[in-house]
Amino acid sequence: TIYKYETVIGDRVIAENRENCSLI
């Protein structure tokens, strides 16, 4: 939804680590 993009994930940086890989 528009709400999700504007409020939840818009202009945010998410970073995750796993055993053999990482994601930004």
mmCIF file of all heavy atoms, coordinates in Angstrom:
data_MODEL
# 
_entry.id   MODEL 
# 
loop_
_atom_site.group_PDB 
_atom_site.id 
_atom_site.type_symbol 
_atom_site.label_atom_id 
_atom_site.label_alt_id 
_atom_site.label_comp_id 
_atom_site.label_asym_id 
_atom_site.label_entity_id 
_atom_site.label_seq_id 
_atom_site.pdbx_PDB_ins_code 
_atom_site.Cartn_x 
_atom_site.Cartn_y 
_atom_site.Cartn_z 
_atom_site.occupancy 
_atom_site.B_iso_or_equiv 
_atom_site.pdbx_formal_charge 
_atom_site.auth_seq_id 
_atom_site.auth_comp_id 
_atom_site.auth_asym_id 
_atom_site.auth_atom_id 
_atom_site.pdbx_PDB_model_num 
ATOM 1   N N   . THR A 1 1  ? 0.819  -1.213  0.000  1.00 0.00 ? 1  THR A N   1 
ATOM 2   C CA  . THR A 1 1  ? 0.000  0.000   0.000  1.00 0.00 ? 1  THR A CA  1 
ATOM 3   C C   . THR A 1 1  ? 0.855  1.266   0.000  1.00 0.00 ? 1  THR A C   1 
ATOM 4   O O   . THR A 1 1  ? 2.048  1.247   0.318  1.00 0.00 ? 1  THR A O   1 
ATOM 5   C CB  . THR A 1 1  ? -0.901 0.020   1.241  1.00 0.00 ? 1  THR A CB  1 
ATOM 6   O OG1 . THR A 1 1  ? -0.066 0.053   2.411  1.00 0.00 ? 1  THR A OG1 1 
ATOM 7   C CG2 . THR A 1 1  ? -1.799 -1.205  1.296  1.00 0.00 ? 1  THR A CG2 1 
ATOM 8   N N   . ILE A 1 2  ? 0.213  2.372   -0.322 1.00 0.00 ? 2  ILE A N   1 
ATOM 9   C CA  . ILE A 1 2  ? 0.869  3.675   -0.240 1.00 0.00 ? 2  ILE A CA  1 
ATOM 10  C C   . ILE A 1 2  ? 1.349  3.913   1.188  1.00 0.00 ? 2  ILE A C   1 
ATOM 11  O O   . ILE A 1 2  ? 2.461  4.414   1.400  1.00 0.00 ? 2  ILE A O   1 
ATOM 12  C CB  . ILE A 1 2  ? -0.099 4.789   -0.687 1.00 0.00 ? 2  ILE A CB  1 
ATOM 13  C CG1 . ILE A 1 2  ? -0.422 4.634   -2.184 1.00 0.00 ? 2  ILE A CG1 1 
ATOM 14  C CG2 . ILE A 1 2  ? 0.501  6.171   -0.400 1.00 0.00 ? 2  ILE A CG2 1 
ATOM 15  C CD1 . ILE A 1 2  ? -1.477 5.606   -2.691 1.00 0.00 ? 2  ILE A CD1 1 
ATOM 16  N N   . TYR A 1 3  ? 0.524  3.550   2.157  1.00 0.00 ? 3  TYR A N   1 
ATOM 17  C CA  . TYR A 1 3  ? 0.901  3.723   3.566  1.00 0.00 ? 3  TYR A CA  1 
ATOM 18  C C   . TYR A 1 3  ? 2.223  3.016   3.871  1.00 0.00 ? 3  TYR A C   1 
ATOM 19  O O   . TYR A 1 3  ? 3.083  3.573   4.557  1.00 0.00 ? 3  TYR A O   1 
ATOM 20  C CB  . TYR A 1 3  ? -0.209 3.186   4.466  1.00 0.00 ? 3  TYR A CB  1 
ATOM 21  C CG  . TYR A 1 3  ? 0.187  3.122   5.928  1.00 0.00 ? 3  TYR A CG  1 
ATOM 22  C CD1 . TYR A 1 3  ? 0.109  4.248   6.744  1.00 0.00 ? 3  TYR A CD1 1 
ATOM 23  C CD2 . TYR A 1 3  ? 0.668  1.931   6.485  1.00 0.00 ? 3  TYR A CD2 1 
ATOM 24  C CE1 . TYR A 1 3  ? 0.493  4.190   8.076  1.00 0.00 ? 3  TYR A CE1 1 
ATOM 25  C CE2 . TYR A 1 3  ? 1.055  1.867   7.812  1.00 0.00 ? 3  TYR A CE2 1 
ATOM 26  C CZ  . TYR A 1 3  ? 0.968  2.998   8.605  1.00 0.00 ? 3  TYR A CZ  1 
ATOM 27  O OH  . TYR A 1 3  ? 1.357  2.939   9.923  1.00 0.00 ? 3  TYR A OH  1 
ATOM 28  N N   . LYS A 1 4  ? 2.400  1.806   3.375  1.00 0.00 ? 4  LYS A N   1 
ATOM 29  C CA  . LYS A 1 4  ? 3.619  1.050   3.652  1.00 0.00 ? 4  LYS A CA  1 
ATOM 30  C C   . LYS A 1 4  ? 4.843  1.758   3.088  1.00 0.00 ? 4  LYS A C   1 
ATOM 31  O O   . LYS A 1 4  ? 5.869  1.894   3.762  1.00 0.00 ? 4  LYS A O   1 
ATOM 32  C CB  . LYS A 1 4  ? 3.518  -0.362  3.083  1.00 0.00 ? 4  LYS A CB  1 
ATOM 33  C CG  . LYS A 1 4  ? 4.761  -1.210  3.354  1.00 0.00 ? 4  LYS A CG  1 
ATOM 34  C CD  . LYS A 1 4  ? 4.579  -2.638  2.876  1.00 0.00 ? 4  LYS A CD  1 
ATOM 35  C CE  . LYS A 1 4  ? 5.811  -3.474  3.181  1.00 0.00 ? 4  LYS A CE  1 
ATOM 36  N NZ  . LYS A 1 4  ? 5.641  -4.895  2.772  1.00 0.00 ? 4  LYS A NZ  1 
ATOM 37  N N   . TYR A 1 5  ? 4.753  2.209   1.843  1.00 0.00 ? 5  TYR A N   1 
ATOM 38  C CA  . TYR A 1 5  ? 5.897  2.874   1.230  1.00 0.00 ? 5  TYR A CA  1 
ATOM 39  C C   . TYR A 1 5  ? 6.210  4.201   1.924  1.00 0.00 ? 5  TYR A C   1 
ATOM 40  O O   . TYR A 1 5  ? 7.370  4.520   2.176  1.00 0.00 ? 5  TYR A O   1 
ATOM 41  C CB  . TYR A 1 5  ? 5.644  3.113   -0.259 1.00 0.00 ? 5  TYR A CB  1 
ATOM 42  C CG  . TYR A 1 5  ? 5.628  1.858   -1.092 1.00 0.00 ? 5  TYR A CG  1 
ATOM 43  C CD1 . TYR A 1 5  ? 4.473  1.442   -1.738 1.00 0.00 ? 5  TYR A CD1 1 
ATOM 44  C CD2 . TYR A 1 5  ? 6.773  1.073   -1.256 1.00 0.00 ? 5  TYR A CD2 1 
ATOM 45  C CE1 . TYR A 1 5  ? 4.445  0.300   -2.509 1.00 0.00 ? 5  TYR A CE1 1 
ATOM 46  C CE2 . TYR A 1 5  ? 6.756  -0.077  -2.017 1.00 0.00 ? 5  TYR A CE2 1 
ATOM 47  C CZ  . TYR A 1 5  ? 5.591  -0.465  -2.649 1.00 0.00 ? 5  TYR A CZ  1 
ATOM 48  O OH  . TYR A 1 5  ? 5.567  -1.609  -3.409 1.00 0.00 ? 5  TYR A OH  1 
ATOM 49  N N   . GLU A 1 6  ? 5.176  4.972   2.214  1.00 0.00 ? 6  GLU A N   1 
ATOM 50  C CA  . GLU A 1 6  ? 5.392  6.301   2.795  1.00 0.00 ? 6  GLU A CA  1 
ATOM 51  C C   . GLU A 1 6  ? 5.849  6.246   4.251  1.00 0.00 ? 6  GLU A C   1 
ATOM 52  O O   . GLU A 1 6  ? 6.683  7.043   4.677  1.00 0.00 ? 6  GLU A O   1 
ATOM 53  C CB  . GLU A 1 6  ? 4.096  7.118   2.717  1.00 0.00 ? 6  GLU A CB  1 
ATOM 54  C CG  . GLU A 1 6  ? 3.747  7.618   1.328  1.00 0.00 ? 6  GLU A CG  1 
ATOM 55  C CD  . GLU A 1 6  ? 2.563  8.562   1.369  1.00 0.00 ? 6  GLU A CD  1 
ATOM 56  O OE1 . GLU A 1 6  ? 1.904  8.663   2.424  1.00 0.00 ? 6  GLU A OE1 1 
ATOM 57  O OE2 . GLU A 1 6  ? 2.289  9.202   0.334  1.00 0.00 ? 6  GLU A OE2 1 
ATOM 58  N N   . THR A 1 7  ? 5.314  5.290   5.001  1.00 0.00 ? 7  THR A N   1 
ATOM 59  C CA  . THR A 1 7  ? 5.482  5.301   6.456  1.00 0.00 ? 7  THR A CA  1 
ATOM 60  C C   . THR A 1 7  ? 6.406  4.213   6.986  1.00 0.00 ? 7  THR A C   1 
ATOM 61  O O   . THR A 1 7  ? 7.157  4.443   7.944  1.00 0.00 ? 7  THR A O   1 
ATOM 62  C CB  . THR A 1 7  ? 4.104  5.169   7.141  1.00 0.00 ? 7  THR A CB  1 
ATOM 63  O OG1 . THR A 1 7  ? 3.216  6.146   6.597  1.00 0.00 ? 7  THR A OG1 1 
ATOM 64  C CG2 . THR A 1 7  ? 4.223  5.362   8.629  1.00 0.00 ? 7  THR A CG2 1 
ATOM 65  N N   . VAL A 1 8  ? 6.359  3.049   6.382  1.00 0.00 ? 8  VAL A N   1 
ATOM 66  C CA  . VAL A 1 8  ? 7.047  1.891   6.962  1.00 0.00 ? 8  VAL A CA  1 
ATOM 67  C C   . VAL A 1 8  ? 8.431  1.683   6.375  1.00 0.00 ? 8  VAL A C   1 
ATOM 68  O O   . VAL A 1 8  ? 9.416  1.530   7.113  1.00 0.00 ? 8  VAL A O   1 
ATOM 69  C CB  . VAL A 1 8  ? 6.199  0.612   6.796  1.00 0.00 ? 8  VAL A CB  1 
ATOM 70  C CG1 . VAL A 1 8  ? 6.920  -0.595  7.399  1.00 0.00 ? 8  VAL A CG1 1 
ATOM 71  C CG2 . VAL A 1 8  ? 4.834  0.799   7.435  1.00 0.00 ? 8  VAL A CG2 1 
ATOM 72  N N   . ILE A 1 9  ? 8.552  1.677   5.041  1.00 0.00 ? 9  ILE A N   1 
ATOM 73  C CA  . ILE A 1 9  ? 9.854  1.367   4.448  1.00 0.00 ? 9  ILE A CA  1 
ATOM 74  C C   . ILE A 1 9  ? 10.491 2.524   3.695  1.00 0.00 ? 9  ILE A C   1 
ATOM 75  O O   . ILE A 1 9  ? 11.686 2.483   3.413  1.00 0.00 ? 9  ILE A O   1 
ATOM 76  C CB  . ILE A 1 9  ? 9.774  0.142   3.514  1.00 0.00 ? 9  ILE A CB  1 
ATOM 77  C CG1 . ILE A 1 9  ? 8.814  0.420   2.345  1.00 0.00 ? 9  ILE A CG1 1 
ATOM 78  C CG2 . ILE A 1 9  ? 9.375  -1.098  4.275  1.00 0.00 ? 9  ILE A CG2 1 
ATOM 79  C CD1 . ILE A 1 9  ? 8.808  -0.712  1.319  1.00 0.00 ? 9  ILE A CD1 1 
ATOM 80  N N   . GLY A 1 10 ? 9.725  3.552   3.360  1.00 0.00 ? 10 GLY A N   1 
ATOM 81  C CA  . GLY A 1 10 ? 10.277 4.652   2.586  1.00 0.00 ? 10 GLY A CA  1 
ATOM 82  C C   . GLY A 1 10 ? 11.455 5.320   3.276  1.00 0.00 ? 10 GLY A C   1 
ATOM 83  O O   . GLY A 1 10 ? 11.381 5.655   4.458  1.00 0.00 ? 10 GLY A O   1 
ATOM 84  N N   . ASP A 1 11 ? 12.573 5.504   2.533  1.00 0.00 ? 11 ASP A N   1 
ATOM 85  C CA  . ASP A 1 11 ? 13.774 6.190   3.016  1.00 0.00 ? 11 ASP A CA  1 
ATOM 86  C C   . ASP A 1 11 ? 14.400 5.513   4.240  1.00 0.00 ? 11 ASP A C   1 
ATOM 87  O O   . ASP A 1 11 ? 15.080 6.160   5.038  1.00 0.00 ? 11 ASP A O   1 
ATOM 88  C CB  . ASP A 1 11 ? 13.468 7.662   3.329  1.00 0.00 ? 11 ASP A CB  1 
ATOM 89  C CG  . ASP A 1 11 ? 12.982 8.403   2.103  1.00 0.00 ? 11 ASP A CG  1 
ATOM 90  O OD1 . ASP A 1 11 ? 13.565 8.192   1.019  1.00 0.00 ? 11 ASP A OD1 1 
ATOM 91  O OD2 . ASP A 1 11 ? 12.020 9.176   2.209  1.00 0.00 ? 11 ASP A OD2 1 
ATOM 92  N N   . ARG A 1 12 ? 14.192 4.217   4.385  1.00 0.00 ? 12 ARG A N   1 
ATOM 93  C CA  . ARG A 1 12 ? 14.828 3.460   5.457  1.00 0.00 ? 12 ARG A CA  1 
ATOM 94  C C   . ARG A 1 12 ? 15.933 2.576   4.881  1.00 0.00 ? 12 ARG A C   1 
ATOM 95  O O   . ARG A 1 12 ? 15.907 2.194   3.726  1.00 0.00 ? 12 ARG A O   1 
ATOM 96  C CB  . ARG A 1 12 ? 13.810 2.558   6.167  1.00 0.00 ? 12 ARG A CB  1 
ATOM 97  C CG  . ARG A 1 12 ? 12.868 3.286   7.094  1.00 0.00 ? 12 ARG A CG  1 
ATOM 98  C CD  . ARG A 1 12 ? 12.020 2.271   7.851  1.00 0.00 ? 12 ARG A CD  1 
ATOM 99  N NE  . ARG A 1 12 ? 12.846 1.341   8.629  1.00 0.00 ? 12 ARG A NE  1 
ATOM 100 C CZ  . ARG A 1 12 ? 12.391 0.201   9.126  1.00 0.00 ? 12 ARG A CZ  1 
ATOM 101 N NH1 . ARG A 1 12 ? 11.143 -0.184  8.896  1.00 0.00 ? 12 ARG A NH1 1 
ATOM 102 N NH2 . ARG A 1 12 ? 13.175 -0.583  9.838  1.00 0.00 ? 12 ARG A NH2 1 
ATOM 103 N N   . VAL A 1 13 ? 16.881 2.252   5.727  1.00 0.00 ? 13 VAL A N   1 
ATOM 104 C CA  . VAL A 1 13 ? 17.940 1.312   5.368  1.00 0.00 ? 13 VAL A CA  1 
ATOM 105 C C   . VAL A 1 13 ? 17.782 0.069   6.240  1.00 0.00 ? 13 VAL A C   1 
ATOM 106 O O   . VAL A 1 13 ? 17.694 0.167   7.462  1.00 0.00 ? 13 VAL A O   1 
ATOM 107 C CB  . VAL A 1 13 ? 19.348 1.927   5.569  1.00 0.00 ? 13 VAL A CB  1 
ATOM 108 C CG1 . VAL A 1 13 ? 20.423 0.884   5.254  1.00 0.00 ? 13 VAL A CG1 1 
ATOM 109 C CG2 . VAL A 1 13 ? 19.519 3.154   4.701  1.00 0.00 ? 13 VAL A CG2 1 
ATOM 110 N N   . ILE A 1 14 ? 17.730 -1.077  5.589  1.00 0.00 ? 14 ILE A N   1 
ATOM 111 C CA  . ILE A 1 14 ? 17.586 -2.350  6.285  1.00 0.00 ? 14 ILE A CA  1 
ATOM 112 C C   . ILE A 1 14 ? 18.851 -3.165  6.045  1.00 0.00 ? 14 ILE A C   1 
ATOM 113 O O   . ILE A 1 14 ? 19.306 -3.297  4.908  1.00 0.00 ? 14 ILE A O   1 
ATOM 114 C CB  . ILE A 1 14 ? 16.357 -3.119  5.767  1.00 0.00 ? 14 ILE A CB  1 
ATOM 115 C CG1 . ILE A 1 14 ? 15.084 -2.285  5.961  1.00 0.00 ? 14 ILE A CG1 1 
ATOM 116 C CG2 . ILE A 1 14 ? 16.225 -4.479  6.457  1.00 0.00 ? 14 ILE A CG2 1 
ATOM 117 C CD1 . ILE A 1 14 ? 13.880 -2.811  5.223  1.00 0.00 ? 14 ILE A CD1 1 
ATOM 118 N N   . ALA A 1 15 ? 19.415 -3.713  7.094  1.00 0.00 ? 15 ALA A N   1 
ATOM 119 C CA  . ALA A 1 15 ? 20.630 -4.524  6.973  1.00 0.00 ? 15 ALA A CA  1 
ATOM 120 C C   . ALA A 1 15 ? 20.417 -5.848  7.695  1.00 0.00 ? 15 ALA A C   1 
ATOM 121 O O   . ALA A 1 15 ? 19.864 -5.880  8.805  1.00 0.00 ? 15 ALA A O   1 
ATOM 122 C CB  . ALA A 1 15 ? 21.835 -3.799  7.540  1.00 0.00 ? 15 ALA A CB  1 
ATOM 123 N N   . GLU A 1 16 ? 20.850 -6.929  7.062  1.00 0.00 ? 16 GLU A N   1 
ATOM 124 C CA  . GLU A 1 16 ? 20.712 -8.254  7.654  1.00 0.00 ? 16 GLU A CA  1 
ATOM 125 C C   . GLU A 1 16 ? 21.979 -9.058  7.420  1.00 0.00 ? 16 GLU A C   1 
ATOM 126 O O   . GLU A 1 16 ? 22.612 -8.947  6.363  1.00 0.00 ? 16 GLU A O   1 
ATOM 127 C CB  . GLU A 1 16 ? 19.520 -9.003  7.054  1.00 0.00 ? 16 GLU A CB  1 
ATOM 128 C CG  . GLU A 1 16 ? 18.172 -8.405  7.384  1.00 0.00 ? 16 GLU A CG  1 
ATOM 129 C CD  . GLU A 1 16 ? 17.033 -9.324  6.980  1.00 0.00 ? 16 GLU A CD  1 
ATOM 130 O OE1 . GLU A 1 16 ? 17.215 -10.560 7.023  1.00 0.00 ? 16 GLU A OE1 1 
ATOM 131 O OE2 . GLU A 1 16 ? 15.972 -8.800  6.612  1.00 0.00 ? 16 GLU A OE2 1 
ATOM 132 N N   . ASN A 1 17 ? 22.321 -9.870  8.399  1.00 0.00 ? 17 ASN A N   1 
ATOM 133 C CA  . ASN A 1 17 ? 23.465 -10.774 8.305  1.00 0.00 ? 17 ASN A CA  1 
ATOM 134 C C   . ASN A 1 17 ? 23.002 -12.208 8.400  1.00 0.00 ? 17 ASN A C   1 
ATOM 135 O O   . ASN A 1 17 ? 22.127 -12.543 9.201  1.00 0.00 ? 17 ASN A O   1 
ATOM 136 C CB  . ASN A 1 17 ? 24.478 -10.511 9.440  1.00 0.00 ? 17 ASN A CB  1 
ATOM 137 C CG  . ASN A 1 17 ? 25.382 -9.341  9.134  1.00 0.00 ? 17 ASN A CG  1 
ATOM 138 O OD1 . ASN A 1 17 ? 25.824 -9.169  8.004  1.00 0.00 ? 17 ASN A OD1 1 
ATOM 139 N ND2 . ASN A 1 17 ? 25.660 -8.544  10.147 1.00 0.00 ? 17 ASN A ND2 1 
ATOM 140 N N   . ARG A 1 18 ? 23.591 -13.061 7.580  1.00 0.00 ? 18 ARG A N   1 
ATOM 141 C CA  . ARG A 1 18 ? 23.421 -14.499 7.693  1.00 0.00 ? 18 ARG A CA  1 
ATOM 142 C C   . ARG A 1 18 ? 24.817 -15.117 7.773  1.00 0.00 ? 18 ARG A C   1 
ATOM 143 O O   . ARG A 1 18 ? 25.820 -14.416 7.707  1.00 0.00 ? 18 ARG A O   1 
ATOM 144 C CB  . ARG A 1 18 ? 22.644 -15.055 6.501  1.00 0.00 ? 18 ARG A CB  1 
ATOM 145 C CG  . ARG A 1 18 ? 21.216 -14.555 6.390  1.00 0.00 ? 18 ARG A CG  1 
ATOM 146 C CD  . ARG A 1 18 ? 20.346 -15.068 7.541  1.00 0.00 ? 18 ARG A CD  1 
ATOM 147 N NE  . ARG A 1 18 ? 18.930 -14.776 7.317  1.00 0.00 ? 18 ARG A NE  1 
ATOM 148 C CZ  . ARG A 1 18 ? 18.335 -13.670 7.681  1.00 0.00 ? 18 ARG A CZ  1 
ATOM 149 N NH1 . ARG A 1 18 ? 19.043 -12.724 8.292  1.00 0.00 ? 18 ARG A NH1 1 
ATOM 150 N NH2 . ARG A 1 18 ? 17.051 -13.480 7.449  1.00 0.00 ? 18 ARG A NH2 1 
ATOM 151 N N   . GLU A 1 19 ? 24.878 -16.425 7.907  1.00 0.00 ? 19 GLU A N   1 
ATOM 152 C CA  . GLU A 1 19 ? 26.170 -17.083 8.114  1.00 0.00 ? 19 GLU A CA  1 
ATOM 153 C C   . GLU A 1 19 ? 27.145 -16.833 6.976  1.00 0.00 ? 19 GLU A C   1 
ATOM 154 O O   . GLU A 1 19 ? 28.329 -16.568 7.206  1.00 0.00 ? 19 GLU A O   1 
ATOM 155 C CB  . GLU A 1 19 ? 25.961 -18.594 8.288  1.00 0.00 ? 19 GLU A CB  1 
ATOM 156 C CG  . GLU A 1 19 ? 27.249 -19.349 8.595  1.00 0.00 ? 19 GLU A CG  1 
ATOM 157 C CD  . GLU A 1 19 ? 27.012 -20.813 8.848  1.00 0.00 ? 19 GLU A CD  1 
ATOM 158 O OE1 . GLU A 1 19 ? 25.827 -21.240 8.894  1.00 0.00 ? 19 GLU A OE1 1 
ATOM 159 O OE2 . GLU A 1 19 ? 28.003 -21.558 8.994  1.00 0.00 ? 19 GLU A OE2 1 
ATOM 160 N N   . ASN A 1 20 ? 26.671 -16.887 5.733  1.00 0.00 ? 20 ASN A N   1 
ATOM 161 C CA  . ASN A 1 20 ? 27.563 -16.779 4.582  1.00 0.00 ? 20 ASN A CA  1 
ATOM 162 C C   . ASN A 1 20 ? 27.264 -15.590 3.677  1.00 0.00 ? 20 ASN A C   1 
ATOM 163 O O   . ASN A 1 20 ? 27.836 -15.481 2.596  1.00 0.00 ? 20 ASN A O   1 
ATOM 164 C CB  . ASN A 1 20 ? 27.512 -18.067 3.749  1.00 0.00 ? 20 ASN A CB  1 
ATOM 165 C CG  . ASN A 1 20 ? 28.098 -19.247 4.494  1.00 0.00 ? 20 ASN A CG  1 
ATOM 166 O OD1 . ASN A 1 20 ? 29.128 -19.130 5.153  1.00 0.00 ? 20 ASN A OD1 1 
ATOM 167 N ND2 . ASN A 1 20 ? 27.426 -20.387 4.411  1.00 0.00 ? 20 ASN A ND2 1 
ATOM 168 N N   . CYS A 1 21 ? 26.384 -14.712 4.112  1.00 0.00 ? 21 CYS A N   1 
ATOM 169 C CA  . CYS A 1 21 ? 26.059 -13.560 3.272  1.00 0.00 ? 21 CYS A CA  1 
ATOM 170 C C   . CYS A 1 21 ? 25.432 -12.446 4.105  1.00 0.00 ? 21 CYS A C   1 
ATOM 171 O O   . CYS A 1 21 ? 24.893 -12.685 5.184  1.00 0.00 ? 21 CYS A O   1 
ATOM 172 C CB  . CYS A 1 21 ? 25.130 -13.956 2.123  1.00 0.00 ? 21 CYS A CB  1 
ATOM 173 S SG  . CYS A 1 21 ? 23.669 -14.876 2.629  1.00 0.00 ? 21 CYS A SG  1 
ATOM 174 N N   . SER A 1 22 ? 25.533 -11.237 3.583  1.00 0.00 ? 22 SER A N   1 
ATOM 175 C CA  . SER A 1 22 ? 24.943 -10.063 4.226  1.00 0.00 ? 22 SER A CA  1 
ATOM 176 C C   . SER A 1 22 ? 24.219 -9.234  3.180  1.00 0.00 ? 22 SER A C   1 
ATOM 177 O O   . SER A 1 22 ? 24.553 -9.276  1.984  1.00 0.00 ? 22 SER A O   1 
ATOM 178 C CB  . SER A 1 22 ? 26.029 -9.211  4.891  1.00 0.00 ? 22 SER A CB  1 
ATOM 179 O OG  . SER A 1 22 ? 26.700 -9.938  5.894  1.00 0.00 ? 22 SER A OG  1 
ATOM 180 N N   . LEU A 1 23 ? 23.235 -8.460  3.633  1.00 0.00 ? 23 LEU A N   1 
ATOM 181 C CA  . LEU A 1 23 ? 22.427 -7.669  2.713  1.00 0.00 ? 23 LEU A CA  1 
ATOM 182 C C   . LEU A 1 23 ? 22.203 -6.273  3.282  1.00 0.00 ? 23 LEU A C   1 
ATOM 183 O O   . LEU A 1 23 ? 21.922 -6.119  4.471  1.00 0.00 ? 23 LEU A O   1 
ATOM 184 C CB  . LEU A 1 23 ? 21.085 -8.364  2.466  1.00 0.00 ? 23 LEU A CB  1 
ATOM 185 C CG  . LEU A 1 23 ? 20.042 -7.634  1.618  1.00 0.00 ? 23 LEU A CG  1 
ATOM 186 C CD1 . LEU A 1 23 ? 19.270 -8.647  0.758  1.00 0.00 ? 23 LEU A CD1 1 
ATOM 187 C CD2 . LEU A 1 23 ? 19.047 -6.866  2.495  1.00 0.00 ? 23 LEU A CD2 1 
ATOM 188 N N   . ILE A 1 24 ? 22.351 -5.273  2.427  1.00 0.00 ? 24 ILE A N   1 
ATOM 189 C CA  . ILE A 1 24 ? 22.002 -3.882  2.763  1.00 0.00 ? 24 ILE A CA  1 
ATOM 190 C C   . ILE A 1 24 ? 20.919 -3.453  1.780  1.00 0.00 ? 24 ILE A C   1 
ATOM 191 O O   . ILE A 1 24 ? 21.106 -3.530  0.564  1.00 0.00 ? 24 ILE A O   1 
ATOM 192 C CB  . ILE A 1 24 ? 23.219 -2.949  2.666  1.00 0.00 ? 24 ILE A CB  1 
ATOM 193 C CG1 . ILE A 1 24 ? 24.333 -3.422  3.603  1.00 0.00 ? 24 ILE A CG1 1 
ATOM 194 C CG2 . ILE A 1 24 ? 22.806 -1.505  3.018  1.00 0.00 ? 24 ILE A CG2 1 
ATOM 195 C CD1 . ILE A 1 24 ? 25.641 -2.690  3.409  1.00 0.00 ? 24 ILE A CD1 1 
# 
